[in-house]
N, C-alpha and C. Protein backbone atom coordinates (compact mmCIF):
# COMPACT_ATOMS: atom_id res chain seq x y z
N MET A 1 159.79 -13.25 -38.78
CA MET A 1 161.13 -12.69 -38.51
C MET A 1 161.44 -11.54 -39.63
N LYS A 2 162.03 -10.48 -39.29
CA LYS A 2 162.46 -9.57 -40.24
C LYS A 2 163.83 -9.90 -40.91
N ASN A 3 163.84 -9.63 -42.14
CA ASN A 3 164.88 -10.21 -43.11
C ASN A 3 165.82 -9.07 -43.45
N ARG A 4 165.37 -7.76 -42.93
CA ARG A 4 166.37 -6.55 -43.09
C ARG A 4 166.50 -5.81 -41.90
N LYS A 5 167.40 -5.21 -41.70
CA LYS A 5 167.54 -4.17 -40.32
C LYS A 5 168.29 -3.00 -40.93
N HIS A 6 168.01 -1.85 -40.18
CA HIS A 6 168.84 -0.64 -40.48
C HIS A 6 169.51 -0.30 -39.29
N GLU A 7 170.66 0.04 -39.17
CA GLU A 7 171.46 0.49 -38.11
C GLU A 7 172.09 1.91 -38.34
N PRO A 8 172.02 2.75 -37.33
CA PRO A 8 172.89 3.97 -37.61
C PRO A 8 174.33 3.95 -37.69
N ILE A 9 174.99 4.87 -38.06
CA ILE A 9 176.42 4.91 -38.42
C ILE A 9 176.83 5.65 -37.13
N LEU A 10 177.32 4.94 -36.16
CA LEU A 10 177.94 5.45 -34.88
C LEU A 10 179.43 5.53 -34.71
N PHE A 11 180.30 5.66 -35.80
CA PHE A 11 181.59 5.34 -35.70
C PHE A 11 182.38 6.81 -36.18
N SER A 12 183.32 7.09 -35.72
CA SER A 12 183.96 8.47 -36.03
C SER A 12 185.11 7.87 -37.11
N TYR A 13 185.78 8.78 -37.66
CA TYR A 13 186.71 8.26 -38.62
C TYR A 13 187.91 7.58 -37.86
N ARG A 14 188.43 7.74 -36.79
CA ARG A 14 189.37 7.05 -36.15
C ARG A 14 188.92 5.71 -35.63
N ASP A 15 187.58 5.32 -35.83
CA ASP A 15 187.14 3.98 -35.43
C ASP A 15 186.91 3.08 -36.85
N CYS A 16 187.80 3.27 -37.77
CA CYS A 16 187.70 2.55 -38.95
C CYS A 16 187.82 1.15 -38.74
N ASP A 17 188.67 0.62 -37.77
CA ASP A 17 188.87 -1.03 -37.42
C ASP A 17 187.66 -1.31 -36.68
N ASP A 18 187.16 -0.44 -35.88
CA ASP A 18 186.11 -1.00 -34.96
C ASP A 18 184.75 -1.12 -35.82
N PHE A 19 184.73 -0.25 -36.84
CA PHE A 19 183.73 -0.17 -37.81
C PHE A 19 183.60 -1.47 -38.56
N ALA A 20 184.77 -1.95 -39.12
CA ALA A 20 184.95 -3.14 -39.88
C ALA A 20 184.67 -4.30 -38.97
N ALA A 21 185.34 -4.24 -37.78
CA ALA A 21 185.03 -5.37 -36.90
C ALA A 21 183.42 -5.60 -36.62
N TYR A 22 182.82 -4.44 -36.64
CA TYR A 22 181.17 -4.58 -36.22
C TYR A 22 180.66 -5.29 -37.36
N LEU A 23 181.05 -4.93 -38.76
CA LEU A 23 180.47 -5.63 -39.72
C LEU A 23 180.91 -6.90 -39.81
N GLU A 24 181.88 -7.44 -39.63
CA GLU A 24 182.48 -8.87 -39.50
C GLU A 24 181.51 -9.47 -38.40
N GLU A 25 181.43 -8.88 -37.46
CA GLU A 25 180.49 -9.56 -36.16
C GLU A 25 179.23 -9.87 -36.67
N GLN A 26 178.56 -8.63 -37.41
CA GLN A 26 177.15 -8.95 -37.89
C GLN A 26 176.96 -10.12 -39.05
N ALA A 27 178.02 -10.31 -39.76
CA ALA A 27 178.12 -11.30 -40.76
C ALA A 27 178.03 -12.59 -39.81
N ARG A 28 179.05 -12.75 -38.97
CA ARG A 28 179.04 -13.95 -38.08
C ARG A 28 177.66 -14.32 -37.46
N LEU A 29 176.85 -13.39 -37.28
CA LEU A 29 175.55 -13.46 -36.68
C LEU A 29 174.59 -13.70 -37.65
N GLY A 30 174.95 -13.65 -38.98
CA GLY A 30 173.86 -13.72 -39.79
C GLY A 30 173.32 -12.44 -40.45
N TRP A 31 174.08 -11.52 -40.24
CA TRP A 31 173.23 -10.23 -40.97
C TRP A 31 174.38 -9.71 -41.84
N HIS A 32 174.26 -9.51 -42.97
CA HIS A 32 175.13 -9.17 -44.04
C HIS A 32 175.00 -7.80 -44.74
N PHE A 33 175.93 -7.09 -44.61
CA PHE A 33 175.82 -5.61 -44.94
C PHE A 33 175.51 -5.81 -46.45
N LYS A 34 174.61 -4.80 -46.77
CA LYS A 34 174.27 -4.74 -48.14
C LYS A 34 174.32 -3.29 -48.79
N GLU A 35 173.95 -2.41 -48.04
CA GLU A 35 174.31 -0.89 -48.68
C GLU A 35 174.05 0.02 -47.67
N ILE A 36 174.18 1.27 -48.02
CA ILE A 36 174.16 2.51 -47.10
C ILE A 36 172.97 3.01 -47.47
N HIS A 37 171.82 3.27 -46.90
CA HIS A 37 170.55 4.11 -47.14
C HIS A 37 170.07 4.56 -45.83
N MET A 38 170.52 5.72 -45.33
CA MET A 38 170.04 6.34 -44.18
C MET A 38 170.49 5.42 -43.16
N GLY A 39 171.74 5.02 -43.24
CA GLY A 39 172.38 4.26 -42.17
C GLY A 39 172.99 3.08 -42.93
N LEU A 40 173.22 2.07 -42.00
CA LEU A 40 173.67 0.74 -42.46
C LEU A 40 172.55 -0.21 -42.76
N VAL A 41 172.33 -0.88 -43.87
CA VAL A 41 171.30 -1.95 -44.10
C VAL A 41 171.91 -3.12 -44.45
N PHE A 42 171.28 -4.16 -43.32
CA PHE A 42 171.93 -5.53 -43.39
C PHE A 42 170.59 -6.37 -43.73
N GLU A 43 170.87 -7.44 -44.38
CA GLU A 43 170.01 -8.58 -44.73
C GLU A 43 170.38 -9.95 -43.89
N ARG A 44 169.31 -10.48 -43.61
CA ARG A 44 169.61 -11.96 -43.02
C ARG A 44 170.12 -13.05 -43.75
N GLY A 45 170.94 -13.79 -43.43
CA GLY A 45 171.43 -14.80 -44.23
C GLY A 45 172.25 -15.85 -43.41
N GLU A 46 173.02 -16.64 -44.07
CA GLU A 46 173.76 -17.77 -43.24
C GLU A 46 174.81 -17.03 -42.54
N PRO A 47 175.15 -17.43 -41.47
CA PRO A 47 176.33 -16.76 -40.70
C PRO A 47 177.45 -17.08 -41.55
N ALA A 48 178.47 -16.23 -41.70
CA ALA A 48 179.65 -16.40 -42.52
C ALA A 48 180.88 -15.51 -41.96
N GLU A 49 181.92 -15.95 -42.27
CA GLU A 49 183.37 -15.14 -41.95
C GLU A 49 183.42 -14.36 -42.98
N ILE A 50 183.29 -13.06 -43.03
CA ILE A 50 183.61 -12.04 -44.21
C ILE A 50 184.64 -11.11 -43.62
N ARG A 51 185.36 -10.75 -44.27
CA ARG A 51 186.58 -9.68 -43.90
C ARG A 51 186.30 -8.35 -44.62
N TYR A 52 185.91 -7.27 -43.83
CA TYR A 52 185.74 -5.97 -44.12
C TYR A 52 186.80 -5.10 -44.00
N ARG A 53 186.69 -3.95 -44.73
CA ARG A 53 187.89 -3.02 -44.48
C ARG A 53 187.11 -1.59 -44.79
N VAL A 54 186.99 -0.86 -43.73
CA VAL A 54 186.69 0.56 -43.68
C VAL A 54 187.76 1.62 -43.93
N GLU A 55 187.69 2.34 -44.89
CA GLU A 55 188.69 3.26 -45.03
C GLU A 55 188.29 4.93 -45.15
N VAL A 56 189.04 5.71 -44.88
CA VAL A 56 188.57 7.08 -44.84
C VAL A 56 189.14 7.60 -46.09
N PHE A 57 188.48 8.18 -47.04
CA PHE A 57 188.91 8.62 -48.40
C PHE A 57 188.75 10.17 -48.21
N PRO A 58 189.83 10.62 -48.39
CA PRO A 58 190.03 12.27 -47.95
C PRO A 58 189.41 13.02 -49.25
N LYS A 59 189.29 12.52 -50.47
CA LYS A 59 188.62 13.37 -51.32
C LYS A 59 187.20 13.57 -51.44
N ARG A 60 186.63 12.80 -50.43
CA ARG A 60 185.17 12.98 -50.44
C ARG A 60 184.87 14.13 -49.39
N ARG A 61 183.68 14.70 -49.51
CA ARG A 61 183.14 15.71 -48.44
C ARG A 61 182.21 14.87 -47.36
N GLU A 62 182.19 15.92 -46.46
CA GLU A 62 181.11 15.31 -45.34
C GLU A 62 179.95 14.87 -45.74
N ASP A 63 179.25 15.77 -46.78
CA ASP A 63 177.94 15.69 -47.37
C ASP A 63 177.81 14.80 -48.24
N ASP A 64 178.87 14.21 -48.79
CA ASP A 64 178.79 13.10 -49.80
C ASP A 64 178.01 11.79 -49.38
N ASP A 65 177.12 11.45 -50.09
CA ASP A 65 176.16 10.40 -49.83
C ASP A 65 176.24 9.62 -51.17
N GLY A 66 176.89 8.34 -51.18
CA GLY A 66 176.89 7.61 -52.43
C GLY A 66 178.33 7.80 -53.24
N ALA A 67 178.30 7.18 -54.15
CA ALA A 67 179.73 7.30 -54.91
C ALA A 67 180.03 8.27 -55.97
N THR A 68 180.83 9.06 -55.84
CA THR A 68 181.39 10.32 -56.57
C THR A 68 182.40 9.50 -57.60
N TRP A 69 182.53 10.39 -58.78
CA TRP A 69 183.62 9.82 -59.69
C TRP A 69 184.98 9.44 -58.92
N GLU A 70 185.32 10.22 -58.07
CA GLU A 70 186.81 9.95 -57.36
C GLU A 70 186.58 8.64 -56.63
N THR A 71 185.39 8.33 -55.98
CA THR A 71 185.05 7.22 -55.23
C THR A 71 185.16 5.96 -56.18
N LYS A 72 184.53 6.27 -57.41
CA LYS A 72 184.61 5.06 -58.39
C LYS A 72 185.93 4.71 -58.68
N GLU A 73 186.73 5.86 -59.01
CA GLU A 73 188.15 5.51 -59.39
C GLU A 73 188.96 4.77 -58.23
N TYR A 74 188.75 5.33 -56.92
CA TYR A 74 189.29 4.65 -55.74
C TYR A 74 188.78 3.19 -55.72
N ALA A 75 187.46 2.84 -56.02
CA ALA A 75 187.04 1.69 -55.86
C ALA A 75 187.74 0.62 -56.79
N ALA A 76 188.14 1.19 -57.97
CA ALA A 76 188.58 0.32 -58.91
C ALA A 76 189.98 0.02 -58.60
N TYR A 77 190.89 0.93 -57.97
CA TYR A 77 192.03 0.67 -57.61
C TYR A 77 192.01 -0.27 -56.58
N CYS A 78 191.04 -0.34 -55.58
CA CYS A 78 190.97 -1.32 -54.27
C CYS A 78 190.45 -2.57 -54.84
N GLU A 79 189.68 -2.61 -55.92
CA GLU A 79 189.27 -4.02 -56.53
C GLU A 79 190.59 -4.71 -56.94
N ALA A 80 191.46 -4.04 -57.54
CA ALA A 80 192.72 -4.66 -58.20
C ALA A 80 193.59 -5.25 -57.00
N ALA A 81 193.45 -4.60 -55.92
CA ALA A 81 194.21 -5.14 -54.78
C ALA A 81 193.35 -6.26 -53.81
N GLY A 82 192.18 -6.48 -54.36
CA GLY A 82 191.36 -7.60 -53.80
C GLY A 82 190.19 -7.32 -53.00
N TRP A 83 189.74 -6.08 -52.95
CA TRP A 83 188.65 -5.42 -52.14
C TRP A 83 187.54 -5.10 -53.02
N LYS A 84 186.29 -5.58 -52.82
CA LYS A 84 184.97 -5.14 -53.46
C LYS A 84 184.52 -4.02 -52.79
N PHE A 85 184.35 -3.01 -53.54
CA PHE A 85 183.72 -1.63 -52.96
C PHE A 85 182.13 -2.14 -52.72
N LEU A 86 181.63 -1.81 -51.59
CA LEU A 86 180.42 -1.99 -51.26
C LEU A 86 179.45 -0.75 -50.93
N GLY A 87 180.08 0.36 -50.64
CA GLY A 87 179.48 1.69 -50.40
C GLY A 87 180.22 2.72 -49.62
N SER A 88 179.74 3.93 -49.60
CA SER A 88 180.42 4.97 -49.04
C SER A 88 179.19 6.01 -48.51
N VAL A 89 179.68 6.67 -47.61
CA VAL A 89 179.03 7.75 -46.78
C VAL A 89 179.96 8.64 -46.10
N ARG A 90 179.66 10.05 -46.38
CA ARG A 90 180.62 10.74 -45.67
C ARG A 90 182.11 10.64 -46.39
N LYS A 91 183.02 10.50 -45.56
CA LYS A 91 184.37 10.13 -46.10
C LYS A 91 184.64 8.63 -45.88
N PHE A 92 183.84 7.98 -45.42
CA PHE A 92 183.96 6.45 -45.25
C PHE A 92 183.65 5.75 -46.55
N CYS A 93 184.49 4.57 -46.79
CA CYS A 93 184.38 3.69 -47.86
C CYS A 93 184.55 2.11 -47.33
N ILE A 94 183.51 1.54 -47.55
CA ILE A 94 183.47 0.28 -47.17
C ILE A 94 183.86 -0.92 -48.22
N PHE A 95 184.55 -1.82 -47.88
CA PHE A 95 185.05 -2.75 -48.89
C PHE A 95 184.93 -4.17 -48.17
N GLU A 96 184.78 -5.29 -49.10
CA GLU A 96 184.71 -6.61 -48.61
C GLU A 96 185.80 -7.32 -49.31
N GLN A 97 186.52 -8.10 -48.60
CA GLN A 97 187.49 -8.87 -49.21
C GLN A 97 187.10 -9.80 -50.24
N MET A 98 187.49 -9.92 -51.48
CA MET A 98 187.17 -10.70 -52.44
C MET A 98 187.79 -12.07 -52.23
N GLU A 99 187.67 -12.81 -53.09
CA GLU A 99 188.36 -14.34 -53.08
C GLU A 99 189.72 -14.37 -52.94
N GLY A 100 190.32 -15.20 -52.20
CA GLY A 100 191.75 -15.20 -51.91
C GLY A 100 192.38 -14.12 -51.20
N GLU A 101 193.68 -14.02 -51.27
CA GLU A 101 194.24 -12.86 -50.33
C GLU A 101 194.18 -11.40 -50.98
N ALA A 102 193.92 -10.60 -50.08
CA ALA A 102 193.72 -9.10 -50.48
C ALA A 102 195.02 -8.41 -49.84
N VAL A 103 195.64 -7.54 -50.43
CA VAL A 103 196.69 -6.60 -50.23
C VAL A 103 195.92 -5.50 -49.25
N PRO A 104 196.84 -4.88 -48.36
CA PRO A 104 196.08 -3.73 -47.79
C PRO A 104 196.03 -2.61 -48.73
N ILE A 105 194.77 -1.85 -48.51
CA ILE A 105 194.63 -0.69 -49.66
C ILE A 105 195.46 0.48 -49.45
N VAL A 106 195.84 0.65 -48.18
CA VAL A 106 196.77 2.00 -47.97
C VAL A 106 197.83 1.34 -46.86
N THR A 107 198.88 2.01 -46.70
CA THR A 107 199.88 1.78 -45.69
C THR A 107 199.18 2.25 -44.33
N ASP A 108 199.66 1.85 -43.17
CA ASP A 108 199.14 2.25 -41.94
C ASP A 108 199.51 3.73 -41.72
N GLU A 109 200.59 4.33 -42.28
CA GLU A 109 200.96 5.83 -42.22
C GLU A 109 199.93 6.62 -42.96
N GLU A 110 199.74 6.06 -44.34
CA GLU A 110 198.61 6.86 -44.97
C GLU A 110 197.09 6.79 -44.58
N ARG A 111 197.08 5.70 -43.93
CA ARG A 111 195.63 5.60 -43.18
C ARG A 111 195.48 6.55 -42.06
N LEU A 112 196.59 6.55 -41.41
CA LEU A 112 196.50 7.71 -40.22
C LEU A 112 196.30 8.98 -40.74
N ALA A 113 197.28 9.16 -41.61
CA ALA A 113 197.23 10.65 -42.33
C ALA A 113 195.72 11.07 -42.85
N ASN A 114 195.04 10.02 -43.45
CA ASN A 114 193.62 10.33 -43.90
C ASN A 114 192.66 10.44 -42.69
N VAL A 115 192.80 9.68 -41.76
CA VAL A 115 191.99 9.88 -40.49
C VAL A 115 192.22 11.27 -39.97
N VAL A 116 193.49 11.49 -39.69
CA VAL A 116 193.69 12.82 -39.01
C VAL A 116 193.27 13.96 -40.05
N ARG A 117 193.34 13.81 -41.36
CA ARG A 117 192.95 14.98 -42.28
C ARG A 117 191.39 15.11 -41.97
N ALA A 118 190.69 13.89 -42.13
CA ALA A 118 189.16 14.00 -41.88
C ALA A 118 188.60 14.64 -40.55
N GLU A 119 189.41 14.14 -39.55
CA GLU A 119 189.10 14.65 -38.19
C GLU A 119 189.40 16.10 -38.05
N ARG A 120 190.50 16.55 -38.64
CA ARG A 120 190.95 17.92 -38.52
C ARG A 120 189.81 18.80 -39.43
N GLY A 121 189.38 18.21 -40.47
CA GLY A 121 188.17 19.15 -41.05
C GLY A 121 186.97 19.19 -40.25
N ILE A 122 186.58 18.26 -39.58
CA ILE A 122 185.47 18.27 -38.62
C ILE A 122 185.69 19.32 -37.62
N LEU A 123 186.86 19.14 -37.17
CA LEU A 123 187.26 20.37 -35.82
C LEU A 123 187.21 21.69 -36.41
N THR A 124 187.72 21.91 -37.64
CA THR A 124 187.89 23.12 -38.15
C THR A 124 186.45 23.59 -38.25
N THR A 125 185.50 22.98 -38.70
CA THR A 125 183.99 23.17 -38.76
C THR A 125 183.48 23.53 -37.48
N ASN A 126 183.89 22.56 -36.40
CA ASN A 126 183.22 22.93 -35.02
C ASN A 126 183.78 24.08 -34.38
N TRP A 127 185.08 24.42 -34.52
CA TRP A 127 185.70 25.82 -33.87
C TRP A 127 185.13 26.99 -34.76
N TRP A 128 184.83 26.89 -36.12
CA TRP A 128 184.26 27.96 -36.67
C TRP A 128 182.74 28.21 -36.15
N GLU A 129 181.91 27.19 -35.93
CA GLU A 129 180.61 27.19 -35.39
C GLU A 129 180.76 27.78 -33.93
N THR A 130 181.77 27.21 -33.35
CA THR A 130 181.84 27.75 -31.91
C THR A 130 182.03 29.29 -31.68
N LEU A 131 183.10 29.55 -32.69
CA LEU A 131 183.47 30.93 -32.56
C LEU A 131 182.31 31.93 -33.06
N THR A 132 181.56 31.50 -34.11
CA THR A 132 180.33 32.26 -34.48
C THR A 132 179.34 32.43 -33.43
N ILE A 133 178.91 31.07 -32.80
CA ILE A 133 178.14 31.19 -31.68
C ILE A 133 178.56 32.17 -30.41
N ALA A 134 179.92 32.08 -30.14
CA ALA A 134 180.44 32.77 -29.19
C ALA A 134 180.28 34.40 -29.46
N PHE A 135 180.61 34.85 -30.48
CA PHE A 135 180.56 36.12 -31.24
C PHE A 135 179.15 36.57 -30.95
N ASN A 136 178.09 35.82 -31.35
CA ASN A 136 176.57 36.01 -31.23
C ASN A 136 176.45 36.34 -29.86
N LEU A 137 176.89 35.32 -29.01
CA LEU A 137 176.57 35.42 -27.45
C LEU A 137 176.96 36.85 -26.63
N THR A 138 178.06 37.31 -27.51
CA THR A 138 178.56 38.47 -26.67
C THR A 138 177.38 39.65 -26.86
N PHE A 139 176.45 39.40 -28.01
CA PHE A 139 175.45 40.57 -28.02
C PHE A 139 174.07 40.08 -27.02
N PHE A 140 173.93 38.71 -26.91
CA PHE A 140 172.76 38.37 -26.36
C PHE A 140 172.98 37.55 -24.84
N ALA A 141 174.27 37.85 -24.28
CA ALA A 141 174.59 37.20 -23.20
C ALA A 141 173.75 37.67 -21.92
N GLU A 142 173.22 38.84 -22.09
CA GLU A 142 172.26 39.16 -21.00
C GLU A 142 170.88 38.58 -21.23
N ASP A 143 170.57 38.43 -22.36
CA ASP A 143 169.21 37.74 -22.39
C ASP A 143 169.28 36.16 -22.26
N PHE A 144 170.35 35.48 -22.52
CA PHE A 144 170.63 34.18 -22.40
C PHE A 144 171.73 33.84 -21.55
N PRO A 145 171.66 34.16 -20.24
CA PRO A 145 173.08 33.76 -19.41
C PRO A 145 173.44 32.31 -19.40
N MET A 146 172.27 31.57 -19.45
CA MET A 146 172.75 29.99 -19.58
C MET A 146 173.65 29.38 -20.74
N MET A 147 173.82 30.34 -21.71
CA MET A 147 174.24 29.79 -23.00
C MET A 147 175.86 29.98 -22.65
N VAL A 148 176.32 31.03 -21.72
CA VAL A 148 177.65 31.21 -21.63
C VAL A 148 178.41 30.01 -21.24
N PRO A 149 177.92 29.34 -20.02
CA PRO A 149 178.50 28.08 -19.64
C PRO A 149 178.58 26.82 -20.57
N ILE A 150 177.46 27.09 -21.29
CA ILE A 150 177.31 25.94 -22.09
C ILE A 150 178.30 25.96 -23.35
N MET A 151 178.55 27.07 -23.73
CA MET A 151 179.46 27.42 -24.97
C MET A 151 180.79 27.15 -24.38
N LEU A 152 180.98 27.41 -23.16
CA LEU A 152 182.29 27.25 -22.57
C LEU A 152 182.71 25.74 -22.54
N ALA A 153 181.65 25.05 -22.26
CA ALA A 153 181.71 23.51 -22.13
C ALA A 153 182.10 22.87 -23.51
N VAL A 154 181.28 23.35 -24.48
CA VAL A 154 181.41 22.88 -25.79
C VAL A 154 182.85 23.34 -26.31
N GLY A 155 183.27 24.56 -26.28
CA GLY A 155 184.69 24.96 -26.46
C GLY A 155 185.70 24.11 -25.91
N LEU A 156 185.53 23.58 -24.60
CA LEU A 156 186.57 22.73 -23.94
C LEU A 156 186.46 21.33 -24.60
N CYS A 157 185.44 20.86 -24.84
CA CYS A 157 185.41 19.62 -25.39
C CYS A 157 186.14 19.71 -26.75
N ILE A 158 185.74 20.63 -27.64
CA ILE A 158 186.56 20.92 -28.74
C ILE A 158 187.90 20.82 -28.70
N LEU A 159 188.44 21.61 -27.58
CA LEU A 159 189.81 21.82 -27.30
C LEU A 159 190.43 20.47 -27.03
N VAL A 160 189.83 19.61 -26.20
CA VAL A 160 190.42 18.19 -25.92
C VAL A 160 190.53 17.33 -27.01
N ARG A 161 189.44 17.44 -27.94
CA ARG A 161 189.48 16.70 -29.23
C ARG A 161 190.82 17.00 -30.14
N THR A 162 190.89 18.35 -30.19
CA THR A 162 191.82 19.03 -30.90
C THR A 162 193.25 18.47 -30.26
N ILE A 163 193.34 18.68 -29.07
CA ILE A 163 194.86 18.28 -28.44
C ILE A 163 194.97 16.60 -28.67
N SER A 164 193.88 15.77 -28.46
CA SER A 164 194.02 14.50 -28.84
C SER A 164 194.51 14.14 -30.38
N LEU A 165 194.24 14.95 -31.34
CA LEU A 165 194.60 14.55 -32.63
C LEU A 165 196.10 15.16 -32.70
N VAL A 166 196.53 16.17 -32.07
CA VAL A 166 197.79 16.61 -32.54
C VAL A 166 198.73 15.78 -31.57
N GLY A 167 198.39 15.25 -30.38
CA GLY A 167 199.09 14.37 -29.69
C GLY A 167 199.32 13.05 -30.06
């Protein structure tokens, strides 16, 4: 039987609570989160009740993999609040509750603001890429007529995501 397993990270920034609940469920099944290395890495162990917290740290970049000095400073702050830093990828930071009671890392308002800021950054990039492709399509629409409806569909999806963030 395998003692380690790797899982992809399939959570968006607005799914922080679901991400933490997933890690907690894996711990109850005996799979304990160990690190982030090309996805989530779990090791088999005894089933346990472990409380996790997943936060969006806005000072990180989308391409950050591992702890930056800002992340280490943030981790020290969180450790003082009762949360052990376990790893980070993109703008996600994963914490495990240490012994005893832990206070919330951020307020609900700060958490929502961090998630919205991170999601807006992704949407800005998506809009820029869509506009760039649309601009190029104006030159190649005759050669690739099927790309026009595809780009319209992509633009509509991005518009719906944008409206859901604003609303």
